[in-house]
Each structure stands twice: as structure tokens, then as C-alpha cells.
Amino acid sequence: MKLNNTYYILRHGEAISNVKGICSCWPETFENPLTESGVQMINRSALELEGKGIQLIFASDVLRTKQTAQIVGREINVKPKFDKRLREVDFGIMNGAPMANLDMQFPHEKERISRAMPKGETYRDVHVRVYDFLRDMDEQFQGKTILVVSHECPLLLLEAVVNGVSLGHLFNGFPRHERIRQGELKKLN
């Protein structure tokens, strides 16, 4: 996909849900801020952003991503804007449950492309909303350098959109250990 702007992506820092292994999406079922370690991760990432010319920051409106974007925004003097299309995949009835329970429901992650927990989203749903976000940004802005702060799944799917990787092929070639890590900054294009 040819883009009119330069994009960087940043996954939120470590949060309580990551430490406890709990599914957490919207609506947030418990207070889920960044941990002290998560704040340190983001402080390091903010330093990496200096000199990159970030003009706009867009982030998920979930607490851990809001905190991440606000830390970075203070460091580089850019006020973040929040967009619900960048939220974590909706875990439905598993929101607030142990991640192990979700993994038991989907032994093969590829199943999540077209199957969701009741009241939740499929990866295809997330793919549509992050594509919609990217298309809107590219129509609204030209020649900007934009930071996108989100969660593992939406960022993985944004990378797929930009690189022209189909959902079916994505999970064959991107094992979890090769995906964007907590607090990691990457250039998207």
C-alpha cells in the first residue's frame, strides 16, 4: 500500500494485564495502567523518537495506550489524539478473564481470523477498522510524520495492510516471538 505520510508504530508498555496474563480490551473491566517497568520502556522509546520529526500522535483510547501516548507526547511536545479504531481486539465475554482461557478456545490463532468469542471481534473485524483508520489518515494528511500507539493485534494487522500480507498468510509467517513487543517502536513504511 502506497502511503502519503510516514508512520511509526509503538506498542504500549507493559501493563498490569500483561503481568497477570489477563485479557483486557474495551470496556476496561479493571484498572489497567502501565507498570513501573512499562513506564521505563516508554521513556526509552520516547528518546528513540527524538529527531524523527513526529508531528501527530494517534492512540487507542484504552488506559495503557493513553498513558503511553501521553508520556511520548510530553517528551516530543506533541499532544496525542485518541481513536477507538486503534483499540485492542475485543475479547467479548473473555474480557477480564485469564489469557489462558482464550488460548484454550482458539488453539490455533488463525481461527481468530473469522471466529470470535461471543460479543467479541474477529481479526478480520480489527483488520477492517485499522485499514479504515490508515485510509482516513492518508486522506486527511499529506507528508506528515505520524506516530500510532496501539496494541499487539491492531499493530500486527496495520503492518499486514501496509505490506500487502493477507490475513491467511499473516499467521503462518509471524510467530508471536517475532511480533512487536511491549514498548517497541518500529517504522511502518
C-alpha atoms as a PDB file:
ATOM      1  CA  MET A   1       0.000   0.000   0.000  1.00  0.00           C
ATOM      2  CA  LYS A   2       1.424   3.371  -1.015  1.00  0.00           C
ATOM      3  CA  LEU A   3       1.091   5.915   1.794  1.00  0.00           C
ATOM      4  CA  ASN A   4       1.081   9.719   1.739  1.00  0.00           C
ATOM      5  CA  ASN A   5       2.643  10.019   5.198  1.00  0.00           C
ATOM      6  CA  THR A   6       5.465   8.428   7.173  1.00  0.00           C
ATOM      7  CA  TYR A   7       4.219   6.257  10.017  1.00  0.00           C
ATOM      8  CA  TYR A   8       5.859   4.908  13.137  1.00  0.00           C
ATOM      9  CA  ILE A   9       4.102   2.398  15.358  1.00  0.00           C
ATOM     10  CA  LEU A  10       4.566   1.935  19.095  1.00  0.00           C
ATOM     11  CA  ARG A  11       3.074  -0.786  21.226  1.00  0.00           C
ATOM     12  CA  HIS A  12       2.088   0.283  24.731  1.00  0.00           C
ATOM     13  CA  GLY A  13       4.455  -0.535  27.570  1.00  0.00           C
ATOM     14  CA  GLU A  14       3.951  -3.386  29.999  1.00  0.00           C
ATOM     15  CA  ALA A  15       0.624  -3.091  31.838  1.00  0.00           C
ATOM     16  CA  ILE A  16      -0.942  -4.905  34.783  1.00  0.00           C
ATOM     17  CA  SER A  17      -2.859  -7.188  32.372  1.00  0.00           C
ATOM     18  CA  ASN A  18       0.411  -8.301  30.747  1.00  0.00           C
ATOM     19  CA  VAL A  19       1.961  -9.187  34.093  1.00  0.00           C
ATOM     20  CA  LYS A  20      -1.140 -11.048  35.289  1.00  0.00           C
ATOM     21  CA  GLY A  21      -1.938 -12.700  31.940  1.00  0.00           C
ATOM     22  CA  ILE A  22      -5.446 -11.218  31.701  1.00  0.00           C
ATOM     23  CA  CYS A  23      -7.430 -10.350  28.570  1.00  0.00           C
ATOM     24  CA  SER A  24      -8.095  -6.626  28.577  1.00  0.00           C
ATOM     25  CA  CYS A  25      -9.954  -4.631  25.952  1.00  0.00           C
ATOM     26  CA  TRP A  26     -12.829  -2.140  25.915  1.00  0.00           C
ATOM     27  CA  PRO A  27     -14.720  -1.555  28.108  1.00  0.00           C
ATOM     28  CA  GLU A  28     -11.942  -1.880  30.649  1.00  0.00           C
ATOM     29  CA  THR A  29     -13.136  -4.195  33.414  1.00  0.00           C
ATOM     30  CA  PHE A  30     -10.386  -3.245  35.881  1.00  0.00           C
ATOM     31  CA  GLU A  31      -7.792  -0.510  36.403  1.00  0.00           C
ATOM     32  CA  ASN A  32      -5.033  -1.498  33.973  1.00  0.00           C
ATOM     33  CA  PRO A  33      -2.270   1.123  33.960  1.00  0.00           C
ATOM     34  CA  LEU A  34       1.302   0.754  32.827  1.00  0.00           C
ATOM     35  CA  THR A  35       3.594  -0.862  35.372  1.00  0.00           C
ATOM     36  CA  GLU A  36       6.750   0.908  36.523  1.00  0.00           C
ATOM     37  CA  SER A  37       8.655  -1.258  34.053  1.00  0.00           C
ATOM     38  CA  GLY A  38       6.158  -0.261  31.338  1.00  0.00           C
ATOM     39  CA  VAL A  39       6.746   3.430  32.018  1.00  0.00           C
ATOM     40  CA  GLN A  40      10.510   2.876  31.741  1.00  0.00           C
ATOM     41  CA  MET A  41      10.009   1.065  28.413  1.00  0.00           C
ATOM     42  CA  ILE A  42       8.087   4.031  27.039  1.00  0.00           C
ATOM     43  CA  ASN A  43      10.596   6.564  28.345  1.00  0.00           C
ATOM     44  CA  ARG A  44      13.280   4.701  26.335  1.00  0.00           C
ATOM     45  CA  SER A  45      11.051   4.632  23.236  1.00  0.00           C
ATOM     46  CA  ALA A  46      10.343   8.356  23.614  1.00  0.00           C
ATOM     47  CA  LEU A  47      14.090   9.015  23.483  1.00  0.00           C
ATOM     48  CA  GLU A  48      14.280   6.996  20.248  1.00  0.00           C
ATOM     49  CA  LEU A  49      11.612   9.275  18.753  1.00  0.00           C
ATOM     50  CA  GLU A  50      13.613  12.449  19.275  1.00  0.00           C
ATOM     51  CA  GLY A  51      14.729  13.762  15.920  1.00  0.00           C
ATOM     52  CA  LYS A  52      12.243  11.679  13.930  1.00  0.00           C
ATOM     53  CA  GLY A  53      10.056  14.736  13.352  1.00  0.00           C
ATOM     54  CA  ILE A  54       6.805  13.283  14.719  1.00  0.00           C
ATOM     55  CA  GLN A  55       4.056  15.819  14.001  1.00  0.00           C
ATOM     56  CA  LEU A  56       0.987  13.854  15.070  1.00  0.00           C
ATOM     57  CA  ILE A  57       0.284  11.107  17.589  1.00  0.00           C
ATOM     58  CA  PHE A  58      -2.804   8.907  17.351  1.00  0.00           C
ATOM     59  CA  ALA A  59      -3.505   6.302  20.020  1.00  0.00           C
ATOM     60  CA  SER A  60      -6.054   3.823  21.247  1.00  0.00           C
ATOM     61  CA  ASP A  61      -8.246   5.332  23.957  1.00  0.00           C
ATOM     62  CA  VAL A  62      -7.569   2.463  26.395  1.00  0.00           C
ATOM     63  CA  LEU A  63      -5.740   3.482  29.609  1.00  0.00           C
ATOM     64  CA  ARG A  64      -2.397   1.770  28.888  1.00  0.00           C
ATOM     65  CA  THR A  65      -2.143   3.247  25.389  1.00  0.00           C
ATOM     66  CA  LYS A  66      -3.335   6.665  26.551  1.00  0.00           C
ATOM     67  CA  GLN A  67      -0.590   6.677  29.188  1.00  0.00           C
ATOM     68  CA  THR A  68       1.954   5.545  26.601  1.00  0.00           C
ATOM     69  CA  ALA A  69       0.951   8.292  24.149  1.00  0.00           C
ATOM     70  CA  GLN A  70       0.931  10.945  26.881  1.00  0.00           C
ATOM     71  CA  ILE A  71       4.449  10.027  28.052  1.00  0.00           C
ATOM     72  CA  VAL A  72       5.768  10.196  24.487  1.00  0.00           C
ATOM     73  CA  GLY A  73       3.776  13.333  23.726  1.00  0.00           C
ATOM     74  CA  ARG A  74       5.274  15.184  26.695  1.00  0.00           C
ATOM     75  CA  GLU A  75       8.782  14.151  25.636  1.00  0.00           C
ATOM     76  CA  ILE A  76       8.432  15.272  21.999  1.00  0.00           C
ATOM     77  CA  ASN A  77       5.933  18.095  22.640  1.00  0.00           C
ATOM     78  CA  VAL A  78       3.047  16.685  20.585  1.00  0.00           C
ATOM     79  CA  LYS A  79      -0.444  16.328  22.066  1.00  0.00           C
ATOM     80  CA  PRO A  80      -1.906  12.860  21.351  1.00  0.00           C
ATOM     81  CA  LYS A  81      -5.318  12.321  19.798  1.00  0.00           C
ATOM     82  CA  PHE A  82      -7.294   9.204  20.659  1.00  0.00           C
ATOM     83  CA  ASP A  83      -9.109   6.969  18.198  1.00  0.00           C
ATOM     84  CA  LYS A  84     -11.212   3.957  19.164  1.00  0.00           C
ATOM     85  CA  ARG A  85     -10.314   2.210  15.900  1.00  0.00           C
ATOM     86  CA  LEU A  86      -6.871   1.586  17.424  1.00  0.00           C
ATOM     87  CA  ARG A  87      -8.279  -0.346  20.407  1.00  0.00           C
ATOM     88  CA  GLU A  88      -7.207  -3.878  21.223  1.00  0.00           C
ATOM     89  CA  VAL A  89      -9.212  -6.701  19.642  1.00  0.00           C
ATOM     90  CA  ASP A  90     -12.500  -7.068  21.544  1.00  0.00           C
ATOM     91  CA  PHE A  91     -12.257 -10.282  23.561  1.00  0.00           C
ATOM     92  CA  GLY A  92     -16.034 -10.299  24.170  1.00  0.00           C
ATOM     93  CA  ILE A  93     -17.045 -12.458  27.107  1.00  0.00           C
ATOM     94  CA  MET A  94     -13.352 -13.184  27.760  1.00  0.00           C
ATOM     95  CA  ASN A  95     -12.624  -9.539  28.621  1.00  0.00           C
ATOM     96  CA  GLY A  96     -11.120  -9.660  32.129  1.00  0.00           C
ATOM     97  CA  ALA A  97     -10.565 -13.440  32.016  1.00  0.00           C
ATOM     98  CA  PRO A  98      -7.188 -15.202  32.066  1.00  0.00           C
ATOM     99  CA  MET A  99      -5.474 -15.198  28.663  1.00  0.00           C
ATOM    100  CA  ALA A 100      -5.020 -18.967  29.027  1.00  0.00           C
ATOM    101  CA  ASN A 101      -8.821 -19.355  28.817  1.00  0.00           C
ATOM    102  CA  LEU A 102      -8.869 -17.511  25.482  1.00  0.00           C
ATOM    103  CA  ASP A 103      -5.966 -19.585  24.187  1.00  0.00           C
ATOM    104  CA  MET A 104      -7.907 -22.768  25.036  1.00  0.00           C
ATOM    105  CA  GLN A 105     -10.839 -21.531  22.937  1.00  0.00           C
ATOM    106  CA  PHE A 106      -8.522 -20.881  19.984  1.00  0.00           C
ATOM    107  CA  PRO A 107      -5.709 -23.443  19.961  1.00  0.00           C
ATOM    108  CA  HIS A 108      -4.682 -22.116  16.527  1.00  0.00           C
ATOM    109  CA  GLU A 109      -4.561 -18.339  16.346  1.00  0.00           C
ATOM    110  CA  LYS A 110      -5.510 -18.467  12.658  1.00  0.00           C
ATOM    111  CA  GLU A 111      -9.035 -19.473  13.773  1.00  0.00           C
ATOM    112  CA  ARG A 112      -9.492 -15.949  15.136  1.00  0.00           C
ATOM    113  CA  ILE A 113      -9.481 -14.514  11.618  1.00  0.00           C
ATOM    114  CA  SER A 114     -13.129 -15.435  11.169  1.00  0.00           C
ATOM    115  CA  ARG A 115     -14.217 -16.638  14.623  1.00  0.00           C
ATOM    116  CA  ALA A 116     -14.725 -14.567  17.766  1.00  0.00           C
ATOM    117  CA  MET A 117     -15.842 -15.094  21.318  1.00  0.00           C
ATOM    118  CA  PRO A 118     -19.485 -14.130  21.885  1.00  0.00           C
ATOM    119  CA  LYS A 119     -19.810 -10.321  21.884  1.00  0.00           C
ATOM    120  CA  GLY A 120     -16.233 -10.050  20.573  1.00  0.00           C
ATOM    121  CA  GLU A 121     -14.413  -9.312  17.341  1.00  0.00           C
ATOM    122  CA  THR A 122     -12.649 -11.403  14.754  1.00  0.00           C
ATOM    123  CA  TYR A 123      -9.222 -10.427  13.461  1.00  0.00           C
ATOM    124  CA  ARG A 124     -10.995  -9.610  10.187  1.00  0.00           C
ATOM    125  CA  ASP A 125     -13.075  -7.018  12.095  1.00  0.00           C
ATOM    126  CA  VAL A 126      -9.917  -5.451  13.537  1.00  0.00           C
ATOM    127  CA  HIS A 127      -8.274  -5.513  10.101  1.00  0.00           C
ATOM    128  CA  VAL A 128     -11.202  -3.519   8.668  1.00  0.00           C
ATOM    129  CA  ARG A 129     -11.083  -0.848  11.384  1.00  0.00           C
ATOM    130  CA  VAL A 130      -7.291  -0.336  11.294  1.00  0.00           C
ATOM    131  CA  TYR A 131      -7.407  -0.163   7.488  1.00  0.00           C
ATOM    132  CA  ASP A 132     -10.186   2.429   7.825  1.00  0.00           C
ATOM    133  CA  PHE A 133      -8.025   4.414  10.264  1.00  0.00           C
ATOM    134  CA  LEU A 134      -4.988   4.340   7.954  1.00  0.00           C
ATOM    135  CA  ARG A 135      -7.033   5.306   4.894  1.00  0.00           C
ATOM    136  CA  ASP A 136      -8.569   8.247   6.807  1.00  0.00           C
ATOM    137  CA  MET A 137      -5.159   9.463   7.991  1.00  0.00           C
ATOM    138  CA  ASP A 138      -3.762   9.260   4.487  1.00  0.00           C
ATOM    139  CA  GLU A 139      -6.717  11.198   3.044  1.00  0.00           C
ATOM    140  CA  GLN A 140      -6.631  13.837   5.778  1.00  0.00           C
ATOM    141  CA  PHE A 141      -2.852  14.427   5.910  1.00  0.00           C
ATOM    142  CA  GLN A 142      -0.098  14.663   3.323  1.00  0.00           C
ATOM    143  CA  GLY A 143       3.649  14.471   4.004  1.00  0.00           C
ATOM    144  CA  LYS A 144       3.283  14.207   7.794  1.00  0.00           C
ATOM    145  CA  THR A 145       5.229  12.017  10.184  1.00  0.00           C
ATOM    146  CA  ILE A 146       2.697  10.210  12.378  1.00  0.00           C
ATOM    147  CA  LEU A 147       3.102   8.004  15.440  1.00  0.00           C
ATOM    148  CA  VAL A 148       0.435   5.346  16.016  1.00  0.00           C
ATOM    149  CA  VAL A 149       0.217   3.934  19.565  1.00  0.00           C
ATOM    150  CA  SER A 150      -1.792   0.761  19.921  1.00  0.00           C
ATOM    151  CA  HIS A 151      -1.807  -2.910  20.926  1.00  0.00           C
ATOM    152  CA  GLU A 152      -0.191  -6.052  19.514  1.00  0.00           C
ATOM    153  CA  CYS A 153      -3.082  -7.240  17.330  1.00  0.00           C
ATOM    154  CA  PRO A 154      -4.038  -3.912  15.706  1.00  0.00           C
ATOM    155  CA  LEU A 155      -0.379  -3.090  15.047  1.00  0.00           C
ATOM    156  CA  LEU A 156       0.259  -6.519  13.545  1.00  0.00           C
ATOM    157  CA  LEU A 157      -2.740  -6.018  11.266  1.00  0.00           C
ATOM    158  CA  LEU A 158      -1.597  -2.494  10.327  1.00  0.00           C
ATOM    159  CA  GLU A 159       1.729  -3.982   9.265  1.00  0.00           C
ATOM    160  CA  ALA A 160      -0.165  -6.555   7.193  1.00  0.00           C
ATOM    161  CA  VAL A 161      -2.201  -3.812   5.467  1.00  0.00           C
ATOM    162  CA  VAL A 162       0.886  -1.769   4.604  1.00  0.00           C
ATOM    163  CA  ASN A 163       2.913  -4.767   3.419  1.00  0.00           C
ATOM    164  CA  GLY A 164       0.064  -6.323   1.437  1.00  0.00           C
ATOM    165  CA  VAL A 165       0.059  -9.515   3.517  1.00  0.00           C
ATOM    166  CA  SER A 166      -3.262 -11.372   3.558  1.00  0.00           C
ATOM    167  CA  LEU A 167      -4.752 -12.448   6.871  1.00  0.00           C
ATOM    168  CA  GLY A 168      -4.438 -16.087   5.840  1.00  0.00           C
ATOM    169  CA  HIS A 169      -0.702 -15.769   5.275  1.00  0.00           C
ATOM    170  CA  LEU A 170      -0.070 -13.490   8.239  1.00  0.00           C
ATOM    171  CA  PHE A 171      -0.256 -16.148  10.920  1.00  0.00           C
ATOM    172  CA  ASN A 172       1.939 -18.571   9.014  1.00  0.00           C
ATOM    173  CA  GLY A 173       4.792 -16.080   8.829  1.00  0.00           C
ATOM    174  CA  PHE A 174       4.549 -14.059  12.036  1.00  0.00           C
ATOM    175  CA  PRO A 175       5.018 -16.202  15.145  1.00  0.00           C
ATOM    176  CA  ARG A 176       4.328 -14.358  18.415  1.00  0.00           C
ATOM    177  CA  HIS A 177       8.002 -14.020  19.298  1.00  0.00           C
ATOM    178  CA  GLU A 178       8.613 -12.018  16.082  1.00  0.00           C
ATOM    179  CA  ARG A 179       5.794  -9.514  16.624  1.00  0.00           C
ATOM    180  CA  ILE A 180       6.039  -6.025  18.025  1.00  0.00           C
ATOM    181  CA  ARG A 181       6.906  -6.241  21.717  1.00  0.00           C
ATOM    182  CA  GLN A 182       5.656  -4.114  24.587  1.00  0.00           C
ATOM    183  CA  GLY A 183       7.198  -0.664  24.339  1.00  0.00           C
ATOM    184  CA  GLU A 184       8.756  -1.397  20.939  1.00  0.00           C
ATOM    185  CA  LEU A 185       8.952   1.314  18.305  1.00  0.00           C
ATOM    186  CA  LYS A 186       9.025   0.474  14.574  1.00  0.00           C
ATOM    187  CA  LYS A 187       8.880   2.417  11.348  1.00  0.00           C
ATOM    188  CA  LEU A 188       5.787   1.232   9.489  1.00  0.00           C
ATOM    189  CA  ASN A 189       6.765   2.434   5.988  1.00  0.00           C
END
